[in-house]
């Protein structure tokens, strides 16, 4: 079996597993799985920006929040807005925001870039907080999920399982699109830029355009995750665009492992389930999440995916050594 075939089989197996889980678990666990899928996409976009592009951002939540608020405002202000119109508008508006913000921010690199992303995130947070008439301020917006009319059949999105499957199909397709991006010439260019941008410029690549494409690409898919965040919780507030949201995606991405595409997927599941477990026993669960983050950075910089990869390599070497021993006898 080739590596490409093995990856395809793994993707299909994971999808089928997630598709079968609602038949085995309860309503509360289905809600948790939906949340994991949403933050998995958010984490994947951040990993593309940081792990593949080498751009540390403290403001990625601004795009997540723009997508979340786009969905919230449309559903509360425009009566009868179709489900897919909400999703498409959130995706398109965050793509535009990503392009405009990226055109300004990507003139600088390194620490200035990271600090400017934080400043822009604070700007968008202030707008969401102060523009009470539109965003609801710190009270937020409560929304109702619109049903999906297929013509011959209407999907009742208020049903937990139905919405879970919609989220699974749409966001898994988005995650696959992100994975495919890493396999394209543009994705490989971004990866090489991270290693040596000066060399890429020397051989003729316009690295500024490549970085802007990556920034816009990650922004629009983060906005898609934000739209589903609002649809899932049926509520959006300034929390969706706060620095805490960026901290969360930073944590789950690092815990999962920035060196692997699947890292944020594992990190999202680990973070959501651990948060849910710890919050049952203490309201100081962020302290323990911070400790875990410190331990991972110091002793397992590859994250959960790095630990799994190292364990798999160790087992493979042990298996090969045992086979050589058998052949030697």
C-alpha atoms as a PDB file:
ATOM      1  CA  UNK A   1       0.000   0.000   0.000  1.00  0.00           C
ATOM      2  CA  UNK A   2       1.424   3.389  -1.024  1.00  0.00           C
ATOM      3  CA  UNK A   3       1.589   6.327   1.388  1.00  0.00           C
ATOM      4  CA  UNK A   4      -1.055   8.237  -0.612  1.00  0.00           C
ATOM      5  CA  UNK A   5      -3.439   5.264  -0.470  1.00  0.00           C
ATOM      6  CA  UNK A   6      -2.823   4.846   3.255  1.00  0.00           C
ATOM      7  CA  UNK A   7      -3.649   8.524   3.860  1.00  0.00           C
ATOM      8  CA  UNK A   8      -6.847   8.237   1.811  1.00  0.00           C
ATOM      9  CA  UNK A   9      -7.900   5.118   3.712  1.00  0.00           C
ATOM     10  CA  UNK A  10      -7.197   6.882   7.023  1.00  0.00           C
ATOM     11  CA  UNK A  11      -9.337   9.885   6.024  1.00  0.00           C
ATOM     12  CA  UNK A  12     -12.229   7.669   4.920  1.00  0.00           C
ATOM     13  CA  UNK A  13     -11.996   5.546   8.080  1.00  0.00           C
ATOM     14  CA  UNK A  14     -12.061   8.660  10.299  1.00  0.00           C
ATOM     15  CA  UNK A  15     -15.056  10.059   8.440  1.00  0.00           C
ATOM     16  CA  UNK A  16     -16.971   6.776   8.716  1.00  0.00           C
ATOM     17  CA  UNK A  17     -16.128   6.578  12.425  1.00  0.00           C
ATOM     18  CA  UNK A  18     -17.482  10.076  13.060  1.00  0.00           C
ATOM     19  CA  UNK A  19     -20.540   9.281  10.939  1.00  0.00           C
ATOM     20  CA  UNK A  20     -21.296   6.198  13.052  1.00  0.00           C
ATOM     21  CA  UNK A  21     -20.709   7.783  16.475  1.00  0.00           C
ATOM     22  CA  UNK A  22     -24.171   9.437  16.843  1.00  0.00           C
ATOM     23  CA  UNK A  23     -25.708   5.948  16.869  1.00  0.00           C
ATOM     24  CA  UNK A  24     -23.538   4.996  19.847  1.00  0.00           C
ATOM     25  CA  UNK A  25     -23.522   8.100  22.053  1.00  0.00           C
ATOM     26  CA  UNK A  26     -25.997  10.499  23.636  1.00  0.00           C
ATOM     27  CA  UNK A  27     -27.150  14.001  22.781  1.00  0.00           C
ATOM     28  CA  UNK A  28     -24.604  15.751  24.995  1.00  0.00           C
ATOM     29  CA  UNK A  29     -21.683  13.854  23.458  1.00  0.00           C
ATOM     30  CA  UNK A  30     -22.958  14.657  19.959  1.00  0.00           C
ATOM     31  CA  UNK A  31     -22.858  18.349  20.870  1.00  0.00           C
ATOM     32  CA  UNK A  32     -19.267  17.925  22.051  1.00  0.00           C
ATOM     33  CA  UNK A  33     -18.329  16.191  18.790  1.00  0.00           C
ATOM     34  CA  UNK A  34     -19.876  19.037  16.799  1.00  0.00           C
ATOM     35  CA  UNK A  35     -17.812  21.518  18.795  1.00  0.00           C
ATOM     36  CA  UNK A  36     -14.669  19.445  18.191  1.00  0.00           C
ATOM     37  CA  UNK A  37     -15.220  19.488  14.425  1.00  0.00           C
ATOM     38  CA  UNK A  38     -15.735  23.269  14.421  1.00  0.00           C
ATOM     39  CA  UNK A  39     -12.572  23.955  16.396  1.00  0.00           C
ATOM     40  CA  UNK A  40     -10.667  21.336  14.396  1.00  0.00           C
ATOM     41  CA  UNK A  41     -11.211  23.437  11.259  1.00  0.00           C
ATOM     42  CA  UNK A  42     -10.273  26.598  13.164  1.00  0.00           C
ATOM     43  CA  UNK A  43      -7.110  24.881  14.397  1.00  0.00           C
ATOM     44  CA  UNK A  44      -6.232  23.611  10.922  1.00  0.00           C
ATOM     45  CA  UNK A  45      -6.379  27.155   9.523  1.00  0.00           C
ATOM     46  CA  UNK A  46      -4.141  28.411  12.330  1.00  0.00           C
ATOM     47  CA  UNK A  47      -1.713  25.547  11.755  1.00  0.00           C
ATOM     48  CA  UNK A  48      -1.491  26.475   8.064  1.00  0.00           C
ATOM     49  CA  UNK A  49      -0.631  30.023   9.066  1.00  0.00           C
ATOM     50  CA  UNK A  50       1.876  29.121  11.793  1.00  0.00           C
ATOM     51  CA  UNK A  51       3.069  25.579  11.139  1.00  0.00           C
ATOM     52  CA  UNK A  52       3.284  25.865   7.347  1.00  0.00           C
ATOM     53  CA  UNK A  53       3.708  29.605   6.795  1.00  0.00           C
ATOM     54  CA  UNK A  54       5.772  30.407   9.867  1.00  0.00           C
ATOM     55  CA  UNK A  55       3.537  33.399  10.689  1.00  0.00           C
ATOM     56  CA  UNK A  56       2.761  33.726  14.392  1.00  0.00           C
ATOM     57  CA  UNK A  57      -0.579  35.501  14.759  1.00  0.00           C
ATOM     58  CA  UNK A  58      -2.245  36.714  17.942  1.00  0.00           C
ATOM     59  CA  UNK A  59      -5.288  37.894  16.025  1.00  0.00           C
ATOM     60  CA  UNK A  60      -6.638  34.872  14.171  1.00  0.00           C
ATOM     61  CA  UNK A  61      -9.825  35.127  16.238  1.00  0.00           C
ATOM     62  CA  UNK A  62     -10.767  38.287  14.334  1.00  0.00           C
ATOM     63  CA  UNK A  63     -11.664  36.164  11.303  1.00  0.00           C
ATOM     64  CA  UNK A  64     -13.401  33.533  13.389  1.00  0.00           C
ATOM     65  CA  UNK A  65     -15.378  36.353  15.016  1.00  0.00           C
ATOM     66  CA  UNK A  66     -16.209  38.054  11.711  1.00  0.00           C
ATOM     67  CA  UNK A  67     -17.663  34.796  10.426  1.00  0.00           C
ATOM     68  CA  UNK A  68     -19.544  34.239  13.682  1.00  0.00           C
ATOM     69  CA  UNK A  69     -20.989  37.759  13.741  1.00  0.00           C
ATOM     70  CA  UNK A  70     -21.868  37.659  10.037  1.00  0.00           C
ATOM     71  CA  UNK A  71     -24.015  34.602  10.728  1.00  0.00           C
ATOM     72  CA  UNK A  72     -25.515  36.154  13.865  1.00  0.00           C
ATOM     73  CA  UNK A  73     -26.343  39.506  12.275  1.00  0.00           C
ATOM     74  CA  UNK A  74     -27.866  37.957   9.146  1.00  0.00           C
ATOM     75  CA  UNK A  75     -30.079  35.608  11.141  1.00  0.00           C
ATOM     76  CA  UNK A  76     -31.319  38.337  13.504  1.00  0.00           C
ATOM     77  CA  UNK A  77     -31.626  41.212  11.003  1.00  0.00           C
ATOM     78  CA  UNK A  78     -32.695  39.597   7.732  1.00  0.00           C
ATOM     79  CA  UNK A  79     -35.823  37.491   8.148  1.00  0.00           C
ATOM     80  CA  UNK A  80     -35.860  34.235   6.226  1.00  0.00           C
ATOM     81  CA  UNK A  81     -32.150  34.125   5.418  1.00  0.00           C
ATOM     82  CA  UNK A  82     -31.411  30.610   4.067  1.00  0.00           C
ATOM     83  CA  UNK A  83     -28.896  28.413   5.850  1.00  0.00           C
ATOM     84  CA  UNK A  84     -26.466  28.261   2.946  1.00  0.00           C
ATOM     85  CA  UNK A  85     -26.695  32.035   2.368  1.00  0.00           C
ATOM     86  CA  UNK A  86     -25.469  32.524   5.930  1.00  0.00           C
ATOM     87  CA  UNK A  87     -22.547  30.153   5.380  1.00  0.00           C
ATOM     88  CA  UNK A  88     -21.563  31.632   2.000  1.00  0.00           C
ATOM     89  CA  UNK A  89     -21.783  35.236   3.243  1.00  0.00           C
ATOM     90  CA  UNK A  90     -19.638  34.440   6.290  1.00  0.00           C
ATOM     91  CA  UNK A  91     -17.084  32.698   4.072  1.00  0.00           C
ATOM     92  CA  UNK A  92     -17.002  35.525   1.519  1.00  0.00           C
ATOM     93  CA  UNK A  93     -16.870  38.394   4.021  1.00  0.00           C
ATOM     94  CA  UNK A  94     -13.976  36.861   5.953  1.00  0.00           C
ATOM     95  CA  UNK A  95     -12.143  36.240   2.674  1.00  0.00           C
ATOM     96  CA  UNK A  96     -12.496  39.954   1.901  1.00  0.00           C
ATOM     97  CA  UNK A  97     -11.452  40.914   5.440  1.00  0.00           C
ATOM     98  CA  UNK A  98      -8.472  38.559   5.243  1.00  0.00           C
ATOM     99  CA  UNK A  99      -7.353  40.103   1.958  1.00  0.00           C
ATOM    100  CA  UNK A 100      -7.676  43.690   3.210  1.00  0.00           C
ATOM    101  CA  UNK A 101      -6.087  43.077   6.612  1.00  0.00           C
ATOM    102  CA  UNK A 102      -3.382  40.904   5.083  1.00  0.00           C
ATOM    103  CA  UNK A 103      -2.511  43.620   2.550  1.00  0.00           C
ATOM    104  CA  UNK A 104      -1.720  45.898   5.492  1.00  0.00           C
ATOM    105  CA  UNK A 105      -0.151  43.468   7.944  1.00  0.00           C
ATOM    106  CA  UNK A 106       2.064  41.442   5.627  1.00  0.00           C
ATOM    107  CA  UNK A 107       4.288  44.413   4.937  1.00  0.00           C
ATOM    108  CA  UNK A 108       6.064  43.446   8.157  1.00  0.00           C
ATOM    109  CA  UNK A 109       7.285  40.110   9.527  1.00  0.00           C
ATOM    110  CA  UNK A 110       8.193  38.450  12.794  1.00  0.00           C
ATOM    111  CA  UNK A 111       7.424  40.226  16.060  1.00  0.00           C
ATOM    112  CA  UNK A 112       5.942  43.383  14.457  1.00  0.00           C
ATOM    113  CA  UNK A 113       3.536  41.184  12.484  1.00  0.00           C
ATOM    114  CA  UNK A 114       2.468  39.282  15.612  1.00  0.00           C
ATOM    115  CA  UNK A 115       1.884  42.511  17.546  1.00  0.00           C
ATOM    116  CA  UNK A 116      -0.066  44.094  14.698  1.00  0.00           C
ATOM    117  CA  UNK A 117      -2.363  41.066  14.477  1.00  0.00           C
ATOM    118  CA  UNK A 118      -3.034  41.522  18.193  1.00  0.00           C
ATOM    119  CA  UNK A 119      -3.788  45.211  17.609  1.00  0.00           C
ATOM    120  CA  UNK A 120      -6.198  44.473  14.751  1.00  0.00           C
ATOM    121  CA  UNK A 121      -7.917  41.803  16.829  1.00  0.00           C
ATOM    122  CA  UNK A 122      -8.388  44.358  19.616  1.00  0.00           C
ATOM    123  CA  UNK A 123      -9.811  46.818  17.078  1.00  0.00           C
ATOM    124  CA  UNK A 124     -12.415  44.337  15.838  1.00  0.00           C
ATOM    125  CA  UNK A 125     -13.193  43.353  19.424  1.00  0.00           C
ATOM    126  CA  UNK A 126     -13.814  47.012  20.314  1.00  0.00           C
ATOM    127  CA  UNK A 127     -16.135  47.420  17.323  1.00  0.00           C
ATOM    128  CA  UNK A 128     -18.129  44.317  18.321  1.00  0.00           C
ATOM    129  CA  UNK A 129     -18.286  45.485  21.936  1.00  0.00           C
ATOM    130  CA  UNK A 130     -19.298  49.096  21.247  1.00  0.00           C
ATOM    131  CA  UNK A 131     -21.612  48.681  18.236  1.00  0.00           C
ATOM    132  CA  UNK A 132     -24.456  47.492  20.432  1.00  0.00           C
ATOM    133  CA  UNK A 133     -27.261  48.197  17.933  1.00  0.00           C
ATOM    134  CA  UNK A 134     -25.825  45.664  15.478  1.00  0.00           C
ATOM    135  CA  UNK A 135     -23.762  43.186  17.490  1.00  0.00           C
ATOM    136  CA  UNK A 136     -25.606  43.265  20.811  1.00  0.00           C
ATOM    137  CA  UNK A 137     -22.402  44.304  22.600  1.00  0.00           C
ATOM    138  CA  UNK A 138     -21.548  42.186  25.609  1.00  0.00           C
ATOM    139  CA  UNK A 139     -25.115  40.796  25.611  1.00  0.00           C
ATOM    140  CA  UNK A 140     -24.515  39.096  22.273  1.00  0.00           C
ATOM    141  CA  UNK A 141     -27.042  37.850  19.736  1.00  0.00           C
ATOM    142  CA  UNK A 142     -29.335  34.846  20.086  1.00  0.00           C
ATOM    143  CA  UNK A 143     -30.220  33.194  16.787  1.00  0.00           C
ATOM    144  CA  UNK A 144     -32.406  30.414  15.475  1.00  0.00           C
ATOM    145  CA  UNK A 145     -30.932  27.928  13.029  1.00  0.00           C
ATOM    146  CA  UNK A 146     -32.839  28.006   9.724  1.00  0.00           C
ATOM    147  CA  UNK A 147     -33.949  24.701   8.260  1.00  0.00           C
ATOM    148  CA  UNK A 148     -32.496  23.553   4.954  1.00  0.00           C
ATOM    149  CA  UNK A 149     -35.054  23.170   2.173  1.00  0.00           C
ATOM    150  CA  UNK A 150     -33.860  20.637  -0.405  1.00  0.00           C
ATOM    151  CA  UNK A 151     -37.067  20.922  -2.416  1.00  0.00           C
ATOM    152  CA  UNK A 152     -38.120  17.318  -1.915  1.00  0.00           C
ATOM    153  CA  UNK A 153     -37.049  17.229   1.734  1.00  0.00           C
ATOM    154  CA  UNK A 154     -36.519  19.705   4.554  1.00  0.00           C
ATOM    155  CA  UNK A 155     -33.663  19.140   6.991  1.00  0.00           C
ATOM    156  CA  UNK A 156     -34.623  20.094  10.523  1.00  0.00           C
ATOM    157  CA  UNK A 157     -31.414  21.736  11.772  1.00  0.00           C
ATOM    158  CA  UNK A 158     -32.767  22.092  15.307  1.00  0.00           C
ATOM    159  CA  UNK A 159     -32.272  18.338  15.628  1.00  0.00           C
ATOM    160  CA  UNK A 160     -28.868  17.713  17.222  1.00  0.00           C
ATOM    161  CA  UNK A 161     -27.965  14.721  15.032  1.00  0.00           C
ATOM    162  CA  UNK A 162     -29.057  16.421  11.813  1.00  0.00           C
ATOM    163  CA  UNK A 163     -26.961  19.503  12.500  1.00  0.00           C
ATOM    164  CA  UNK A 164     -24.042  17.285  13.490  1.00  0.00           C
ATOM    165  CA  UNK A 165     -24.091  15.530  10.107  1.00  0.00           C
ATOM    166  CA  UNK A 166     -24.352  18.865   8.262  1.00  0.00           C
ATOM    167  CA  UNK A 167     -21.356  20.139  10.219  1.00  0.00           C
ATOM    168  CA  UNK A 168     -19.457  16.897   9.639  1.00  0.00           C
ATOM    169  CA  UNK A 169     -19.947  16.963   5.860  1.00  0.00           C
ATOM    170  CA  UNK A 170     -19.316  20.683   5.288  1.00  0.00           C
ATOM    171  CA  UNK A 171     -16.397  21.170   7.661  1.00  0.00           C
ATOM    172  CA  UNK A 172     -14.719  17.870   6.771  1.00  0.00           C
ATOM    173  CA  UNK A 173     -14.861  19.017   3.142  1.00  0.00           C
ATOM    174  CA  UNK A 174     -13.258  22.304   4.257  1.00  0.00           C
ATOM    175  CA  UNK A 175     -10.539  20.438   6.170  1.00  0.00           C
ATOM    176  CA  UNK A 176      -9.862  18.291   3.094  1.00  0.00           C
ATOM    177  CA  UNK A 177      -9.614  21.476   1.012  1.00  0.00           C
ATOM    178  CA  UNK A 178      -7.005  22.766   3.477  1.00  0.00           C
ATOM    179  CA  UNK A 179      -5.125  19.463   3.248  1.00  0.00           C
ATOM    180  CA  UNK A 180      -5.236  19.588  -0.551  1.00  0.00           C
ATOM    181  CA  UNK A 181      -3.846  23.135  -0.406  1.00  0.00           C
ATOM    182  CA  UNK A 182      -0.727  21.804   1.324  1.00  0.00           C
ATOM    183  CA  UNK A 183      -0.231  19.404  -1.593  1.00  0.00           C
ATOM    184  CA  UNK A 184      -0.500  22.084  -4.308  1.00  0.00           C
ATOM    185  CA  UNK A 185       2.389  24.058  -5.747  1.00  0.00           C
ATOM    186  CA  UNK A 186       1.260  27.064  -3.712  1.00  0.00           C
ATOM    187  CA  UNK A 187       1.217  25.028  -0.516  1.00  0.00           C
ATOM    188  CA  UNK A 188       4.728  23.730  -1.182  1.00  0.00           C
ATOM    189  CA  UNK A 189       5.876  27.268  -1.964  1.00  0.00           C
ATOM    190  CA  UNK A 190       4.587  28.451   1.404  1.00  0.00           C
ATOM    191  CA  UNK A 191       6.404  25.604   3.138  1.00  0.00           C
ATOM    192  CA  UNK A 192       9.684  26.426   1.372  1.00  0.00           C
ATOM    193  CA  UNK A 193       9.236  30.109   2.215  1.00  0.00           C
ATOM    194  CA  UNK A 194       9.105  29.193   5.879  1.00  0.00           C
ATOM    195  CA  UNK A 195      12.461  27.445   5.557  1.00  0.00           C
ATOM    196  CA  UNK A 196      14.255  30.142   3.559  1.00  0.00           C
ATOM    197  CA  UNK A 197      12.279  33.080   2.200  1.00  0.00           C
ATOM    198  CA  UNK A 198      15.355  34.902   0.889  1.00  0.00           C
ATOM    199  CA  UNK A 199      16.279  31.941  -1.313  1.00  0.00           C
ATOM    200  CA  UNK A 200      12.714  31.773  -2.681  1.00  0.00           C
ATOM    201  CA  UNK A 201      12.918  35.466  -3.561  1.00  0.00           C
ATOM    202  CA  UNK A 202      16.304  34.951  -5.185  1.00  0.00           C
ATOM    203  CA  UNK A 203      14.998  32.262  -7.559  1.00  0.00           C
ATOM    204  CA  UNK A 204      12.099  34.493  -8.608  1.00  0.00           C
ATOM    205  CA  UNK A 205       9.116  33.787  -6.347  1.00  0.00           C
ATOM    206  CA  UNK A 206       6.931  36.688  -5.249  1.00  0.00           C
ATOM    207  CA  UNK A 207       6.782  35.722  -1.593  1.00  0.00           C
ATOM    208  CA  UNK A 208       4.595  38.712  -0.654  1.00  0.00           C
ATOM    209  CA  UNK A 209       1.799  37.458  -2.920  1.00  0.00           C
ATOM    210  CA  UNK A 210       2.184  33.884  -1.660  1.00  0.00           C
ATOM    211  CA  UNK A 211       1.923  35.015   1.971  1.00  0.00           C
ATOM    212  CA  UNK A 212      -1.158  37.096   1.158  1.00  0.00           C
ATOM    213  CA  UNK A 213      -2.837  34.123  -0.549  1.00  0.00           C
ATOM    214  CA  UNK A 214      -2.133  31.938   2.502  1.00  0.00           C
ATOM    215  CA  UNK A 215      -3.383  34.636   4.888  1.00  0.00           C
ATOM    216  CA  UNK A 216      -6.616  35.117   2.912  1.00  0.00           C
ATOM    217  CA  UNK A 217      -7.122  31.367   2.530  1.00  0.00           C
ATOM    218  CA  UNK A 218      -6.813  30.724   6.270  1.00  0.00           C
ATOM    219  CA  UNK A 219      -9.013  33.729   7.073  1.00  0.00           C
ATOM    220  CA  UNK A 220     -11.998  32.595   4.994  1.00  0.00           C
ATOM    221  CA  UNK A 221     -11.961  29.056   6.392  1.00  0.00           C
ATOM    222  CA  UNK A 222     -11.613  30.429   9.931  1.00  0.00           C
ATOM    223  CA  UNK A 223     -14.713  32.507   9.142  1.00  0.00           C
ATOM    224  CA  UNK A 224     -16.521  29.367   8.008  1.00  0.00           C
ATOM    225  CA  UNK A 225     -15.710  27.754  11.361  1.00  0.00           C
ATOM    226  CA  UNK A 226     -16.988  30.914  13.068  1.00  0.00           C
ATOM    227  CA  UNK A 227     -20.296  30.756  11.205  1.00  0.00           C
ATOM    228  CA  UNK A 228     -20.837  27.163  12.335  1.00  0.00           C
ATOM    229  CA  UNK A 229     -19.859  28.192  15.860  1.00  0.00           C
ATOM    230  CA  UNK A 230     -22.803  30.629  15.899  1.00  0.00           C
ATOM    231  CA  UNK A 231     -25.130  28.103  14.294  1.00  0.00           C
ATOM    232  CA  UNK A 232     -24.084  25.421  16.774  1.00  0.00           C
ATOM    233  CA  UNK A 233     -24.470  27.456  19.955  1.00  0.00           C
ATOM    234  CA  UNK A 234     -27.286  29.574  18.483  1.00  0.00           C
ATOM    235  CA  UNK A 235     -25.565  32.521  20.113  1.00  0.00           C
ATOM    236  CA  UNK A 236     -22.619  34.809  19.439  1.00  0.00           C
ATOM    237  CA  UNK A 237     -20.938  37.320  21.725  1.00  0.00           C
ATOM    238  CA  UNK A 238     -17.650  39.189  21.961  1.00  0.00           C
ATOM    239  CA  UNK A 239     -16.076  35.972  23.263  1.00  0.00           C
ATOM    240  CA  UNK A 240     -15.936  34.755  19.650  1.00  0.00           C
ATOM    241  CA  UNK A 241     -13.596  37.583  18.687  1.00  0.00           C
ATOM    242  CA  UNK A 242     -11.631  37.970  21.910  1.00  0.00           C
ATOM    243  CA  UNK A 243      -7.936  37.305  22.480  1.00  0.00           C
ATOM    244  CA  UNK A 244      -9.058  34.333  24.586  1.00  0.00           C
ATOM    245  CA  UNK A 245     -10.319  32.689  21.400  1.00  0.00           C
ATOM    246  CA  UNK A 246      -6.915  33.132  19.766  1.00  0.00           C
ATOM    247  CA  UNK A 247      -5.300  31.732  22.910  1.00  0.00           C
ATOM    248  CA  UNK A 248      -7.582  28.723  22.683  1.00  0.00           C
ATOM    249  CA  UNK A 249      -6.715  27.950  19.069  1.00  0.00           C
ATOM    250  CA  UNK A 250      -3.032  28.515  19.838  1.00  0.00           C
ATOM    251  CA  UNK A 251      -3.228  26.033  22.720  1.00  0.00           C
ATOM    252  CA  UNK A 252      -5.069  23.299  20.837  1.00  0.00           C
ATOM    253  CA  UNK A 253      -2.784  23.679  17.827  1.00  0.00           C
ATOM    254  CA  UNK A 254       0.387  23.412  19.912  1.00  0.00           C
ATOM    255  CA  UNK A 255      -0.995  20.569  22.012  1.00  0.00           C
ATOM    256  CA  UNK A 256      -1.956  18.686  18.853  1.00  0.00           C
ATOM    257  CA  UNK A 257       1.329  19.483  17.137  1.00  0.00           C
ATOM    258  CA  UNK A 258       2.159  22.181  14.577  1.00  0.00           C
ATOM    259  CA  UNK A 259       4.470  19.863  12.658  1.00  0.00           C
ATOM    260  CA  UNK A 260       1.632  17.663  11.397  1.00  0.00           C
ATOM    261  CA  UNK A 261      -1.523  18.511   9.486  1.00  0.00           C
ATOM    262  CA  UNK A 262      -3.566  16.224  11.767  1.00  0.00           C
ATOM    263  CA  UNK A 263      -2.189  17.944  14.873  1.00  0.00           C
ATOM    264  CA  UNK A 264      -5.054  20.437  15.329  1.00  0.00           C
ATOM    265  CA  UNK A 265      -7.598  17.643  14.804  1.00  0.00           C
ATOM    266  CA  UNK A 266      -6.113  15.704  17.723  1.00  0.00           C
ATOM    267  CA  UNK A 267      -5.575  18.915  19.680  1.00  0.00           C
ATOM    268  CA  UNK A 268      -9.199  19.959  19.279  1.00  0.00           C
ATOM    269  CA  UNK A 269     -10.498  16.631  20.585  1.00  0.00           C
ATOM    270  CA  UNK A 270      -7.981  16.643  23.448  1.00  0.00           C
ATOM    271  CA  UNK A 271      -8.720  20.266  24.408  1.00  0.00           C
ATOM    272  CA  UNK A 272     -12.539  20.088  24.235  1.00  0.00           C
ATOM    273  CA  UNK A 273     -12.836  16.819  26.138  1.00  0.00           C
ATOM    274  CA  UNK A 274     -10.266  17.785  28.768  1.00  0.00           C
ATOM    275  CA  UNK A 275     -11.902  21.181  29.252  1.00  0.00           C
ATOM    276  CA  UNK A 276     -15.283  19.504  29.643  1.00  0.00           C
ATOM    277  CA  UNK A 277     -13.863  17.021  32.154  1.00  0.00           C
ATOM    278  CA  UNK A 278     -11.930  19.583  34.235  1.00  0.00           C
ATOM    279  CA  UNK A 279     -14.783  22.102  34.289  1.00  0.00           C
ATOM    280  CA  UNK A 280     -16.914  19.526  36.141  1.00  0.00           C
ATOM    281  CA  UNK A 281     -14.483  19.638  39.059  1.00  0.00           C
ATOM    282  CA  UNK A 282     -13.068  23.160  39.080  1.00  0.00           C
ATOM    283  CA  UNK A 283     -13.702  26.578  37.585  1.00  0.00           C
ATOM    284  CA  UNK A 284      -9.923  27.060  37.398  1.00  0.00           C
ATOM    285  CA  UNK A 285      -9.518  24.625  34.532  1.00  0.00           C
ATOM    286  CA  UNK A 286      -7.585  27.219  32.409  1.00  0.00           C
ATOM    287  CA  UNK A 287      -4.754  26.952  34.972  1.00  0.00           C
ATOM    288  CA  UNK A 288      -4.409  23.219  34.296  1.00  0.00           C
ATOM    289  CA  UNK A 289      -4.656  23.736  30.542  1.00  0.00           C
ATOM    290  CA  UNK A 290      -1.824  26.252  30.854  1.00  0.00           C
ATOM    291  CA  UNK A 291       0.285  23.731  32.774  1.00  0.00           C
ATOM    292  CA  UNK A 292      -0.310  21.125  30.077  1.00  0.00           C
ATOM    293  CA  UNK A 293       0.711  23.643  27.429  1.00  0.00           C
ATOM    294  CA  UNK A 294       3.961  24.429  29.276  1.00  0.00           C
ATOM    295  CA  UNK A 295       4.785  20.734  29.680  1.00  0.00           C
ATOM    296  CA  UNK A 296       4.077  20.048  25.986  1.00  0.00           C
ATOM    297  CA  UNK A 297       6.267  22.937  24.823  1.00  0.00           C
ATOM    298  CA  UNK A 298       9.149  21.906  27.109  1.00  0.00           C
ATOM    299  CA  UNK A 299       9.094  18.136  26.804  1.00  0.00           C
ATOM    300  CA  UNK A 300       6.985  17.274  23.744  1.00  0.00           C
ATOM    301  CA  UNK A 301       7.273  20.145  21.238  1.00  0.00           C
ATOM    302  CA  UNK A 302       5.816  17.914  18.548  1.00  0.00           C
ATOM    303  CA  UNK A 303       2.544  17.696  20.480  1.00  0.00           C
ATOM    304  CA  UNK A 304       0.239  14.703  20.618  1.00  0.00           C
ATOM    305  CA  UNK A 305       0.758  13.956  16.918  1.00  0.00           C
ATOM    306  CA  UNK A 306       4.540  14.034  17.459  1.00  0.00           C
ATOM    307  CA  UNK A 307       4.242  11.559  20.333  1.00  0.00           C
ATOM    308  CA  UNK A 308       2.121   9.245  18.172  1.00  0.00           C
ATOM    309  CA  UNK A 309       4.552   9.529  15.255  1.00  0.00           C
ATOM    310  CA  UNK A 310       7.556   8.835  17.511  1.00  0.00           C
ATOM    311  CA  UNK A 311       5.801   5.838  19.067  1.00  0.00           C
ATOM    312  CA  UNK A 312       4.908   4.488  15.630  1.00  0.00           C
ATOM    313  CA  UNK A 313       8.519   4.876  14.456  1.00  0.00           C
ATOM    314  CA  UNK A 314       9.797   3.136  17.601  1.00  0.00           C
ATOM    315  CA  UNK A 315       7.405   0.218  17.099  1.00  0.00           C
ATOM    316  CA  UNK A 316       8.362   0.002  13.419  1.00  0.00           C
ATOM    317  CA  UNK A 317      12.052  -0.161  14.289  1.00  0.00           C
ATOM    318  CA  UNK A 318      11.394  -2.790  16.959  1.00  0.00           C
ATOM    319  CA  UNK A 319       9.420  -4.840  14.438  1.00  0.00           C
ATOM    320  CA  UNK A 320      12.196  -4.576  11.856  1.00  0.00           C
ATOM    321  CA  UNK A 321      14.825  -5.516  14.444  1.00  0.00           C
ATOM    322  CA  UNK A 322      12.864  -8.577  15.518  1.00  0.00           C
ATOM    323  CA  UNK A 323      12.414  -9.623  11.877  1.00  0.00           C
ATOM    324  CA  UNK A 324      16.148  -9.271  11.229  1.00  0.00           C
ATOM    325  CA  UNK A 325      16.818 -11.374  14.335  1.00  0.00           C
ATOM    326  CA  UNK A 326      14.484 -14.092  13.084  1.00  0.00           C
ATOM    327  CA  UNK A 327      16.053 -14.047   9.603  1.00  0.00           C
ATOM    328  CA  UNK A 328      19.532 -14.250  11.175  1.00  0.00           C
ATOM    329  CA  UNK A 329      18.626 -17.460  12.970  1.00  0.00           C
END
